[in-house]
N, C-alpha and C. Protein backbone atom coordinates (compact mmCIF):
# COMPACT_ATOMS: atom_id res chain seq x y z
N MET A 1 16.63 -2.83 7.52
CA MET A 1 16.49 -1.08 6.68
C MET A 1 15.43 -1.83 5.40
N ASP A 2 14.88 -1.35 5.40
CA ASP A 2 13.64 -1.82 4.13
C ASP A 2 14.72 -0.68 2.36
N PRO A 3 13.87 -2.11 2.03
CA PRO A 3 14.47 -1.72 0.08
C PRO A 3 14.14 -0.54 -0.44
N TRP A 4 15.06 0.16 -0.83
CA TRP A 4 14.67 0.55 -2.28
C TRP A 4 13.77 0.30 -3.07
N PHE A 5 13.25 0.85 -4.42
CA PHE A 5 12.90 0.00 -5.03
C PHE A 5 13.55 1.32 -6.70
N THR A 6 13.39 0.52 -7.98
CA THR A 6 14.04 0.70 -8.68
C THR A 6 13.95 0.50 -10.56
N THR A 7 13.27 1.26 -11.28
CA THR A 7 13.12 0.93 -12.68
C THR A 7 13.43 1.87 -13.90
N SER A 8 14.44 1.36 -14.85
CA SER A 8 14.28 2.24 -15.84
C SER A 8 13.26 2.37 -16.87
N LEU A 9 12.89 3.49 -16.95
CA LEU A 9 11.61 4.09 -18.09
C LEU A 9 12.02 4.17 -19.68
N GLY A 10 13.48 4.03 -19.83
CA GLY A 10 13.81 3.70 -21.41
C GLY A 10 14.34 4.92 -21.51
N ASP A 11 14.76 5.54 -22.95
CA ASP A 11 15.56 5.94 -23.51
C ASP A 11 14.55 7.84 -23.28
N ALA A 12 15.42 8.05 -21.91
CA ALA A 12 15.26 9.81 -21.55
C ALA A 12 14.32 10.52 -22.63
N THR A 13 14.76 10.46 -23.87
CA THR A 13 13.85 11.25 -24.55
C THR A 13 12.57 11.11 -25.42
N LEU A 14 12.10 9.58 -24.81
CA LEU A 14 11.30 8.86 -24.86
C LEU A 14 9.88 8.76 -23.66
N ALA A 15 10.61 9.02 -22.64
CA ALA A 15 9.95 8.68 -21.27
C ALA A 15 9.84 9.95 -20.44
N LEU A 16 9.02 11.21 -21.54
CA LEU A 16 8.55 11.60 -20.39
C LEU A 16 6.64 11.34 -20.39
N GLU A 17 6.27 10.57 -21.62
CA GLU A 17 4.81 9.90 -21.03
C GLU A 17 4.57 9.27 -19.43
N PRO A 18 5.85 8.04 -19.92
CA PRO A 18 5.96 7.16 -18.45
C PRO A 18 5.95 7.78 -17.31
N LEU A 19 6.64 8.87 -17.30
CA LEU A 19 7.40 9.77 -16.03
C LEU A 19 6.34 10.79 -16.07
N ASP A 20 5.25 10.46 -16.23
CA ASP A 20 4.35 11.48 -15.97
C ASP A 20 2.82 10.47 -15.47
N ARG A 21 2.50 9.47 -16.72
CA ARG A 21 1.70 8.71 -15.81
C ARG A 21 2.48 7.68 -14.63
N LEU A 22 3.56 8.14 -14.06
CA LEU A 22 4.25 7.96 -13.12
C LEU A 22 4.01 8.50 -11.77
N GLU A 23 4.13 9.39 -12.26
CA GLU A 23 3.09 10.80 -11.09
C GLU A 23 1.57 10.93 -10.84
N ALA A 24 0.98 10.17 -11.75
CA ALA A 24 0.03 10.49 -11.70
C ALA A 24 -0.61 9.05 -10.73
N LEU A 25 0.53 8.42 -10.73
CA LEU A 25 -0.45 7.21 -10.44
C LEU A 25 0.28 7.13 -8.74
N PHE A 26 1.30 7.94 -8.40
CA PHE A 26 1.64 8.44 -6.96
C PHE A 26 0.50 9.22 -6.46
N LEU A 27 -0.09 10.24 -7.31
CA LEU A 27 -0.56 11.11 -6.94
C LEU A 27 -1.90 10.34 -6.01
N SER A 28 -2.12 9.29 -7.50
CA SER A 28 -3.66 8.81 -6.68
C SER A 28 -3.82 7.42 -5.59
N THR A 29 -2.24 6.89 -5.79
CA THR A 29 -1.67 6.29 -4.43
C THR A 29 -1.54 7.15 -3.02
N TYR A 30 -0.65 7.79 -3.60
CA TYR A 30 -0.41 8.79 -1.59
C TYR A 30 -1.45 10.32 -1.26
N GLY A 31 -1.81 10.35 -2.56
CA GLY A 31 -2.26 12.16 -2.76
C GLY A 31 -1.53 13.12 -2.27
N THR A 32 -1.84 13.99 -2.46
CA THR A 32 -1.04 15.17 -2.41
C THR A 32 -1.15 16.21 -0.62
N THR A 33 -2.14 16.13 0.20
CA THR A 33 -2.22 16.17 1.20
C THR A 33 -2.15 14.61 2.28
N GLY A 34 -0.76 15.31 3.69
CA GLY A 34 -0.93 14.04 4.17
C GLY A 34 -0.45 13.03 3.93
N CYS A 35 0.56 13.37 2.65
CA CYS A 35 1.54 12.02 2.35
C CYS A 35 2.67 12.21 2.89
N PRO A 36 3.23 10.55 4.01
CA PRO A 36 4.79 11.19 4.49
C PRO A 36 5.34 11.37 3.83
N ALA A 37 6.93 11.99 4.53
CA ALA A 37 8.29 12.22 3.78
C ALA A 37 8.67 11.31 3.29
N GLU A 38 8.27 10.32 3.99
CA GLU A 38 9.21 9.52 3.15
C GLU A 38 8.39 8.60 1.98
N ALA A 39 7.44 8.62 1.50
CA ALA A 39 7.08 8.65 0.77
C ALA A 39 7.26 10.05 -0.58
N ALA A 40 8.64 8.99 -1.15
CA ALA A 40 8.98 9.96 -2.97
C ALA A 40 9.75 9.19 -4.00
N VAL A 41 9.35 9.79 -5.16
CA VAL A 41 9.79 9.05 -6.07
C VAL A 41 10.70 9.95 -6.98
N PHE A 42 12.14 9.84 -7.44
CA PHE A 42 13.02 10.63 -8.15
C PHE A 42 13.52 9.63 -9.15
N PHE A 43 14.29 10.90 -9.47
CA PHE A 43 14.12 10.27 -11.10
C PHE A 43 15.89 10.73 -11.59
N ARG A 44 16.69 10.46 -12.26
CA ARG A 44 17.99 10.68 -12.57
C ARG A 44 17.99 10.25 -14.38
N HIS A 45 19.12 10.73 -15.16
CA HIS A 45 18.97 10.15 -16.17
C HIS A 45 20.79 9.17 -16.21
N GLU A 46 20.60 8.57 -16.00
CA GLU A 46 22.04 7.08 -16.71
C GLU A 46 21.98 6.86 -17.51
N SER A 47 23.38 7.27 -17.70
CA SER A 47 23.54 6.42 -19.29
C SER A 47 24.88 4.91 -19.34
N GLU A 48 25.55 4.46 -17.90
CA GLU A 48 26.05 3.28 -17.68
C GLU A 48 27.16 3.17 -18.95
N GLY A 49 27.25 3.74 -19.50
CA GLY A 49 28.07 3.80 -20.41
C GLY A 49 27.38 3.71 -22.07
N HIS A 50 26.51 3.75 -22.36
CA HIS A 50 25.95 3.58 -23.19
C HIS A 50 25.81 4.97 -23.85
N LEU A 51 25.32 5.23 -25.30
CA LEU A 51 25.50 6.25 -26.57
C LEU A 51 23.96 7.11 -25.22
N HIS A 52 23.31 6.60 -24.90
CA HIS A 52 21.98 7.26 -24.59
C HIS A 52 22.00 6.71 -23.66
N CYS A 53 20.92 8.11 -22.90
CA CYS A 53 20.60 7.99 -21.35
C CYS A 53 19.74 7.32 -21.18
N ASP A 54 18.74 6.37 -20.25
CA ASP A 54 17.76 6.08 -19.45
C ASP A 54 17.28 6.95 -18.79
N LEU A 55 15.95 7.00 -18.73
CA LEU A 55 15.67 7.60 -16.86
C LEU A 55 15.28 6.62 -16.26
N ARG A 56 16.01 6.86 -14.92
CA ARG A 56 15.93 5.50 -13.95
C ARG A 56 15.17 6.32 -12.98
N VAL A 57 13.96 5.70 -12.21
CA VAL A 57 13.29 6.28 -11.05
C VAL A 57 13.28 5.21 -10.13
N TYR A 58 13.81 5.82 -8.90
CA TYR A 58 14.08 5.45 -7.49
C TYR A 58 12.90 5.83 -6.66
N LEU A 59 12.24 4.56 -6.39
CA LEU A 59 10.83 4.79 -5.67
C LEU A 59 11.42 4.09 -3.22
N SER A 60 11.09 5.21 -2.86
CA SER A 60 11.62 4.84 -1.28
C SER A 60 11.16 3.88 -0.95
N PRO A 61 11.51 3.20 0.16
CA PRO A 61 10.61 2.28 1.00
C PRO A 61 9.46 2.49 0.87
N ALA A 62 8.95 3.54 1.62
CA ALA A 62 7.94 3.57 1.84
C ALA A 62 6.65 3.88 0.80
N THR A 63 7.36 3.41 -0.59
CA THR A 63 5.85 2.99 -1.23
C THR A 63 6.46 2.04 -2.21
N ALA A 64 6.85 1.10 -1.40
CA ALA A 64 6.42 -0.42 -1.69
C ALA A 64 5.27 -0.63 -2.77
N VAL A 65 4.01 -0.39 -1.94
CA VAL A 65 2.92 -0.98 -2.96
C VAL A 65 3.02 -0.02 -4.61
N LEU A 66 3.38 1.26 -4.89
CA LEU A 66 3.52 1.57 -6.04
C LEU A 66 4.49 0.88 -6.88
N ALA A 67 5.29 0.61 -6.05
CA ALA A 67 7.10 -0.07 -6.85
C ALA A 67 6.28 -1.34 -7.04
N GLY A 68 5.47 -2.44 -6.32
CA GLY A 68 5.18 -3.30 -7.02
C GLY A 68 3.77 -3.23 -8.36
N ALA A 69 2.97 -2.51 -8.23
CA ALA A 69 2.08 -2.39 -8.94
C ALA A 69 2.52 -1.49 -10.60
N ILE A 70 4.59 -1.19 -10.51
CA ILE A 70 4.96 -1.02 -11.56
C ILE A 70 5.95 -1.67 -12.13
N GLY A 71 5.71 -2.61 -11.11
CA GLY A 71 7.18 -3.66 -11.33
C GLY A 71 8.78 -3.50 -11.20
N ALA A 72 8.78 -2.69 -10.19
CA ALA A 72 10.43 -1.77 -10.07
C ALA A 72 10.68 -2.90 -9.15
N GLU A 73 11.82 -3.04 -8.78
CA GLU A 73 13.21 -4.21 -8.31
C GLU A 73 13.37 -3.54 -6.91
N ALA A 74 13.75 -4.47 -6.26
CA ALA A 74 14.59 -3.76 -4.67
C ALA A 74 15.96 -3.64 -5.41
N CYS A 75 16.47 -2.71 -4.37
CA CYS A 75 17.91 -1.79 -4.64
C CYS A 75 18.21 -0.72 -3.00
N GLY A 76 19.30 -0.97 -3.39
CA GLY A 76 20.09 -0.42 -2.08
C GLY A 76 19.41 1.20 -2.17
N ARG A 77 20.06 2.40 -0.90
CA ARG A 77 19.19 3.72 -1.37
C ARG A 77 20.28 3.88 -2.24
N PRO A 78 19.83 5.51 -3.26
CA PRO A 78 20.62 5.54 -4.55
C PRO A 78 21.39 6.77 -3.65
N SER A 79 22.29 7.38 -4.49
CA SER A 79 22.84 8.84 -4.33
C SER A 79 22.16 9.51 -4.50
N PRO A 80 22.50 10.74 -3.23
CA PRO A 80 21.63 11.56 -3.83
C PRO A 80 21.66 12.54 -5.06
N GLN A 81 23.49 12.39 -5.55
CA GLN A 81 23.76 13.03 -6.43
C GLN A 81 23.13 13.17 -8.13
N ASP A 82 22.68 14.45 -8.31
CA ASP A 82 21.80 14.49 -9.49
C ASP A 82 20.30 13.60 -10.09
N LEU A 83 20.08 13.51 -8.53
CA LEU A 83 18.58 12.72 -8.56
C LEU A 83 17.50 14.31 -8.81
N SER A 84 16.41 14.33 -8.95
CA SER A 84 15.26 14.98 -8.57
C SER A 84 13.96 14.77 -8.81
N LEU A 85 13.03 15.02 -7.56
CA LEU A 85 12.53 14.65 -6.92
C LEU A 85 11.26 14.94 -7.91
N LEU A 86 10.21 13.74 -8.07
CA LEU A 86 9.07 13.50 -9.47
C LEU A 86 7.88 14.16 -8.41
N ALA A 87 8.03 13.10 -7.17
CA ALA A 87 6.65 12.65 -6.36
C ALA A 87 7.35 13.00 -5.40
N GLY A 88 6.32 13.61 -4.39
CA GLY A 88 6.27 13.45 -2.74
C GLY A 88 6.60 14.58 -2.79
N PRO A 89 6.85 15.16 -0.89
CA PRO A 89 6.32 16.21 -0.12
C PRO A 89 8.32 16.92 -0.62
N GLU A 90 8.48 18.01 -0.23
CA GLU A 90 10.25 18.88 -0.50
C GLU A 90 10.42 18.04 0.65
N GLY A 91 9.86 17.82 2.05
CA GLY A 91 10.92 17.65 2.96
C GLY A 91 11.41 15.41 2.88
N ALA A 92 11.13 15.35 2.17
CA ALA A 92 11.29 13.84 1.54
C ALA A 92 13.33 14.18 1.28
N TRP A 93 12.97 15.19 0.92
CA TRP A 93 15.11 15.21 0.66
C TRP A 93 15.39 15.32 1.88
N ARG A 94 15.31 15.68 2.78
CA ARG A 94 15.77 16.20 4.50
C ARG A 94 15.47 15.03 4.92
N THR A 95 14.43 14.30 4.64
CA THR A 95 14.00 12.97 5.52
C THR A 95 14.61 11.19 4.94
N LEU A 96 15.43 11.33 3.87
CA LEU A 96 15.55 10.23 3.05
C LEU A 96 17.03 10.38 2.61
N PHE A 97 17.33 11.42 2.37
CA PHE A 97 19.11 12.10 2.44
C PHE A 97 19.65 12.87 3.83
N PRO A 98 19.43 12.57 4.82
CA PRO A 98 19.81 13.66 5.84
C PRO A 98 21.20 13.78 6.67
N GLU A 99 21.56 13.07 5.18
CA GLU A 99 23.33 13.32 5.10
C GLU A 99 24.02 14.43 3.87
N GLY A 100 23.30 14.87 3.13
CA GLY A 100 23.58 15.65 2.30
C GLY A 100 22.85 16.61 2.10
N PRO A 101 23.13 17.89 1.41
CA PRO A 101 22.23 18.81 0.41
C PRO A 101 20.95 19.00 -0.37
N GLU A 102 20.61 19.27 -0.69
CA GLU A 102 19.32 18.89 -1.47
C GLU A 102 19.36 18.82 -2.60
N ARG A 103 18.87 17.93 -3.98
CA ARG A 103 19.21 18.26 -5.06
C ARG A 103 17.80 17.91 -5.68
N HIS A 104 18.22 19.09 -6.88
CA HIS A 104 16.68 19.21 -8.02
C HIS A 104 17.33 19.20 -9.46
């Protein structure tokens, strides 16, 4: 099984610009048309017991090139709970999380 990738963009209140850059990098790497359904980037606010939430992004296995470019670390497949799709086709939900309902 191919790994997923993850990285933290830091404090969620300060992460909008890095999130926008990541989305633009995804689009320049994979395009908007013909992007495979397996190529997607998701994000979620996670507190891990801290006072402030971090914005953590999860990159699907098909985005290994992008993950390497941003220094993301390999990880297991995240739970779809509370994930939001940042970049990739809407069909990525069904392809990458076939067991559960779409999360937005």
